[in-house]
Amino acid sequence: MTEGIQLEGVTKTYRRGGEELRVLDGLDLHMDEGHFYALMGPSGSGKTTLLNLVGGLDRPDTGRVVVAGEDVGQLTGDALSEWRARSVGFVFQGFNLVPVLSALENVRLPLTLTPLTRKQQDEHARFALEVVGLADRTGHRPQQLSGGQEQRVAIARAIVTDPRVLLCDEPTGDLDRASADGVLDLLQRLNQEMNKTILMVTHDPAAAARAQRLVHLDKGRLGSIEEAAPAG
């Protein structure tokens, strides 16, 4: 099985009131392991739905979603939760940090259900914060950090379990340009130095230019896949 991301004939329909809205329509898409993809398209084209399916947060009505060698649609209950915790990290536009917890405590959260001891959890969390350049902010709470630093903490939390795949939904949407560039620098480094497969939804052409390949969705179907032009 592929170690990247494979969608085969994926259809997803939502029901709102008495109406049906087909968000993905027989989507076929292959993304190679260890590549950085930017997912673009107009609002309603199915970008976030695709991200949720890849992350095992939702299920396709038809078709297969294979991620890091696992047919996600065949997993249920604890097996799905364990796969998600092990294989996928999520980064959102809103940082989703717990306000009363320190940076270290926020990053440690995904490890609390693992067999690791508290000391081992702290060691993993400190290393993740070091990777994102915040080794000196372990005791700071979110309100003591800038927006860019908060997103770096969120990325540290996403990588603390060493997942193969990072799913990023508008990760720079709430940041100024300088902070956004810092976060994008970090994502590129995680891709290049740690071989993370990254799928990033974005509306920002400057963010998309950091990826290696651009995936365009239009009305639930694949528009194109192209090599990203280098950022100027």
Protein backbone atom coordinates (compact mmCIF):
# COMPACT_ATOMS: atom_id res chain seq x y z
CA MET A 1 0.00 0.00 0.00
CA THR A 2 1.06 3.57 -0.57
CA GLU A 3 2.77 5.36 2.31
CA GLY A 4 1.52 8.70 1.04
CA ILE A 5 -2.13 9.77 0.69
CA GLN A 6 -4.46 8.04 -1.77
CA LEU A 7 -8.11 8.86 -2.45
CA GLU A 8 -9.98 6.60 -4.85
CA GLY A 9 -13.48 7.44 -6.07
CA VAL A 10 -14.25 9.41 -2.92
CA THR A 11 -17.72 10.87 -2.64
CA LYS A 12 -19.06 12.86 0.32
CA THR A 13 -22.55 14.31 0.60
CA TYR A 14 -23.97 16.35 3.47
CA ARG A 15 -27.65 16.83 4.20
CA ARG A 16 -28.93 20.21 5.30
CA GLY A 17 -32.61 20.23 6.01
CA GLY A 18 -34.22 18.50 3.07
CA GLU A 19 -31.37 19.25 0.67
CA GLU A 20 -28.33 17.20 -0.26
CA LEU A 21 -24.99 18.90 -0.91
CA ARG A 22 -22.37 16.81 -2.69
CA VAL A 23 -19.06 18.22 -1.48
CA LEU A 24 -16.72 15.64 -3.05
CA ASP A 25 -17.74 13.97 -6.28
CA GLY A 26 -15.81 10.81 -7.19
CA LEU A 27 -12.45 12.33 -6.26
CA ASP A 28 -9.27 10.48 -7.29
CA LEU A 29 -6.08 11.94 -5.86
CA HIS A 30 -2.60 10.59 -5.11
CA MET A 31 -0.08 12.49 -2.99
CA ASP A 32 3.43 11.13 -2.52
CA GLU A 33 5.01 10.52 0.86
CA GLY A 34 7.39 13.21 2.07
CA HIS A 35 6.00 15.99 -0.15
CA PHE A 36 4.50 19.36 0.78
CA TYR A 37 1.14 19.99 -0.91
CA ALA A 38 -0.96 23.14 -0.90
CA LEU A 39 -4.68 22.54 -1.38
CA MET A 40 -6.48 25.44 -3.04
CA GLY A 41 -9.89 26.19 -4.47
CA PRO A 42 -12.91 28.45 -4.01
CA SER A 43 -15.06 28.30 -0.89
CA GLY A 44 -17.26 25.22 -0.98
CA SER A 45 -14.92 23.25 -3.24
CA GLY A 46 -14.39 20.54 -0.61
CA LYS A 47 -10.96 21.43 0.79
CA THR A 48 -11.74 21.11 4.50
CA THR A 49 -13.88 18.03 3.87
CA LEU A 50 -10.92 16.40 2.13
CA LEU A 51 -8.67 17.29 5.06
CA ASN A 52 -11.16 15.78 7.53
CA LEU A 53 -11.37 12.56 5.52
CA VAL A 54 -7.59 12.23 5.34
CA GLY A 55 -7.37 12.80 9.09
CA GLY A 56 -10.02 10.23 9.91
CA LEU A 57 -12.35 12.87 11.36
CA ASP A 58 -15.02 11.99 8.80
CA ARG A 59 -15.81 9.06 6.50
CA PRO A 60 -16.44 8.96 2.75
CA ASP A 61 -19.84 7.85 1.51
CA THR A 62 -18.10 5.88 -1.23
CA GLY A 63 -14.48 5.23 -2.18
CA ARG A 64 -11.29 4.64 -0.25
CA VAL A 65 -8.97 6.91 1.74
CA VAL A 66 -5.53 5.35 2.33
CA VAL A 67 -3.10 7.31 4.50
CA ALA A 68 0.38 6.18 5.58
CA GLY A 69 -0.43 2.65 4.42
CA GLU A 70 -3.75 2.38 6.26
CA ASP A 71 -7.25 2.23 4.78
CA VAL A 72 -8.74 4.80 7.14
CA GLY A 73 -12.33 3.94 6.26
CA GLN A 74 -11.87 0.42 7.64
CA LEU A 75 -10.86 1.66 11.10
CA THR A 76 -13.38 2.20 13.88
CA GLY A 77 -13.44 3.08 17.56
CA ASP A 78 -10.17 2.71 19.45
CA ALA A 79 -8.27 1.51 16.39
CA LEU A 80 -9.15 4.73 14.54
CA SER A 81 -8.24 6.90 17.54
CA GLU A 82 -4.92 5.11 17.96
CA TRP A 83 -4.09 5.40 14.26
CA ARG A 84 -4.95 9.10 14.23
CA ALA A 85 -2.86 9.80 17.34
CA ARG A 86 0.09 7.93 15.87
CA SER A 87 -0.01 8.93 12.22
CA VAL A 88 -1.56 12.39 11.80
CA GLY A 89 -0.93 15.82 13.31
CA PHE A 90 -3.45 18.65 12.95
CA VAL A 91 -2.72 22.40 12.73
CA PHE A 92 -5.69 24.78 12.54
CA GLN A 93 -6.17 28.47 11.79
CA GLY A 94 -7.29 29.01 15.38
CA PHE A 95 -4.47 27.76 17.54
CA ASN A 96 -6.79 25.79 19.87
CA LEU A 97 -4.44 26.04 22.84
CA VAL A 98 -5.73 25.61 26.40
CA PRO A 99 -5.40 29.09 27.99
CA VAL A 100 -4.64 27.89 31.53
CA LEU A 101 -1.87 25.52 30.45
CA SER A 102 1.75 26.38 29.72
CA ALA A 103 3.32 25.79 26.31
CA LEU A 104 4.89 22.59 27.63
CA GLU A 105 1.58 21.36 29.05
CA ASN A 106 -0.28 22.14 25.81
CA VAL A 107 2.29 20.24 23.75
CA ARG A 108 2.23 17.31 26.16
CA LEU A 109 -1.55 16.81 25.84
CA PRO A 110 -1.47 14.26 22.97
CA LEU A 111 0.92 12.12 25.01
CA THR A 112 -1.25 11.81 28.11
CA LEU A 113 -3.00 8.70 26.80
CA THR A 114 0.24 6.96 25.79
CA PRO A 115 2.25 4.49 27.91
CA LEU A 116 5.00 7.10 28.33
CA THR A 117 5.87 8.17 31.87
CA ARG A 118 5.34 11.80 32.84
CA LYS A 119 9.10 12.38 32.61
CA GLN A 120 9.17 10.90 29.11
CA GLN A 121 6.18 12.99 28.08
CA ASP A 122 7.96 16.13 29.26
CA GLU A 123 11.11 15.14 27.38
CA HIS A 124 9.15 14.64 24.15
CA ALA A 125 7.30 17.93 24.62
CA ARG A 126 10.51 19.86 25.33
CA PHE A 127 12.10 18.39 22.21
CA ALA A 128 9.08 19.38 20.07
CA LEU A 129 9.25 22.94 21.42
CA GLU A 130 12.97 22.99 20.66
CA VAL A 131 12.25 21.89 17.07
CA VAL A 132 9.87 24.84 16.58
CA GLY A 133 12.29 27.30 18.17
CA LEU A 134 10.50 27.83 21.49
CA ALA A 135 12.76 26.03 23.95
CA ASP A 136 12.81 29.21 26.05
CA ARG A 137 9.00 29.50 26.23
CA THR A 138 8.09 26.21 27.93
CA GLY A 139 6.49 27.88 30.95
CA HIS A 140 4.62 30.61 29.06
CA ARG A 141 0.85 30.47 28.73
CA PRO A 142 -0.83 31.33 25.42
CA GLN A 143 -1.70 34.90 26.46
CA GLN A 144 2.02 35.53 27.07
CA LEU A 145 2.91 34.56 23.49
CA SER A 146 2.56 36.30 20.14
CA GLY A 147 0.24 34.85 17.51
CA GLY A 148 3.18 33.38 15.61
CA GLN A 149 4.51 31.78 18.79
CA GLU A 150 1.08 30.34 19.60
CA GLN A 151 0.95 28.70 16.18
CA ARG A 152 4.44 27.31 16.74
CA VAL A 153 3.23 25.76 20.00
CA ALA A 154 0.29 24.29 18.08
CA ILE A 155 2.72 22.83 15.52
CA ALA A 156 4.88 21.41 18.33
CA ARG A 157 1.74 19.75 19.72
CA ALA A 158 1.00 18.33 16.25
CA ILE A 159 4.47 16.79 15.85
CA VAL A 160 5.06 15.60 19.44
CA THR A 161 3.88 12.06 18.56
CA ASP A 162 6.13 12.06 15.44
CA PRO A 163 3.29 11.57 12.92
CA ARG A 164 4.01 10.90 9.26
CA VAL A 165 1.40 13.36 8.01
CA LEU A 166 0.65 16.97 8.99
CA LEU A 167 -2.74 18.39 8.03
CA CYS A 168 -2.85 22.18 8.15
CA ASP A 169 -6.09 24.16 7.69
CA GLU A 170 -5.24 27.80 6.91
CA PRO A 171 -2.35 27.74 9.42
CA THR A 172 -1.32 31.34 8.64
CA GLY A 173 -4.84 32.79 8.28
CA ASP A 174 -4.75 34.69 11.59
CA LEU A 175 -1.14 35.87 11.37
CA ASP A 176 0.60 38.97 10.03
CA ARG A 177 2.99 38.47 7.11
CA ALA A 178 6.17 38.23 9.19
CA SER A 179 4.66 35.70 11.60
CA ALA A 180 3.13 33.76 8.71
CA ASP A 181 6.51 33.57 6.97
CA GLY A 182 8.06 32.20 10.15
CA VAL A 183 5.42 29.47 10.39
CA LEU A 184 5.84 28.60 6.70
CA ASP A 185 9.63 28.43 7.16
CA LEU A 186 9.00 25.92 9.95
CA LEU A 187 6.63 23.80 7.86
CA GLN A 188 9.15 23.69 5.03
CA ARG A 189 11.84 22.57 7.47
CA LEU A 190 9.63 19.83 8.90
CA ASN A 191 9.01 18.61 5.36
CA GLN A 192 12.62 18.77 4.21
CA GLU A 193 14.49 17.71 7.35
CA MET A 194 11.97 15.34 9.00
CA ASN A 195 10.30 14.03 5.82
CA LYS A 196 6.80 14.97 6.99
CA THR A 197 4.08 14.69 4.36
CA ILE A 198 2.21 18.01 4.61
CA LEU A 199 -1.22 18.84 3.20
CA MET A 200 -2.04 22.51 3.75
CA VAL A 201 -5.34 24.18 2.88
CA THR A 202 -4.75 27.85 2.08
CA HIS A 203 -6.22 30.78 0.18
CA ASP A 204 -2.91 32.65 0.33
CA PRO A 205 -0.78 32.44 -2.85
CA ALA A 206 2.33 33.37 -0.83
CA ALA A 207 1.72 30.41 1.48
CA ALA A 208 0.94 28.08 -1.42
CA ALA A 209 4.24 29.04 -3.07
CA ARG A 210 6.08 27.40 -0.16
CA ALA A 211 4.68 24.00 -1.09
CA GLN A 212 6.21 21.70 -3.69
CA ARG A 213 2.93 20.97 -5.43
CA LEU A 214 -0.41 22.75 -5.75
CA VAL A 215 -3.65 20.76 -5.75
CA HIS A 216 -6.67 22.64 -7.09
CA LEU A 217 -10.18 21.51 -6.20
CA ASP A 218 -13.27 22.77 -8.00
CA LYS A 219 -16.81 21.71 -7.08
CA GLY A 220 -15.61 18.57 -5.35
CA ARG A 221 -13.42 17.38 -8.20
CA LEU A 222 -9.72 17.54 -8.92
CA GLY A 223 -8.93 20.51 -11.10
CA SER A 224 -5.18 20.04 -11.43
CA ILE A 225 -1.93 19.16 -9.69
CA GLU A 226 1.06 21.29 -10.59
CA GLU A 227 4.53 22.07 -9.39
CA ALA A 228 4.56 25.20 -7.24
CA ALA A 229 6.48 28.16 -8.60
CA PRO A 230 9.32 29.13 -6.27
CA ALA A 231 8.48 32.04 -3.97
CA GLY A 232 9.92 35.24 -5.36
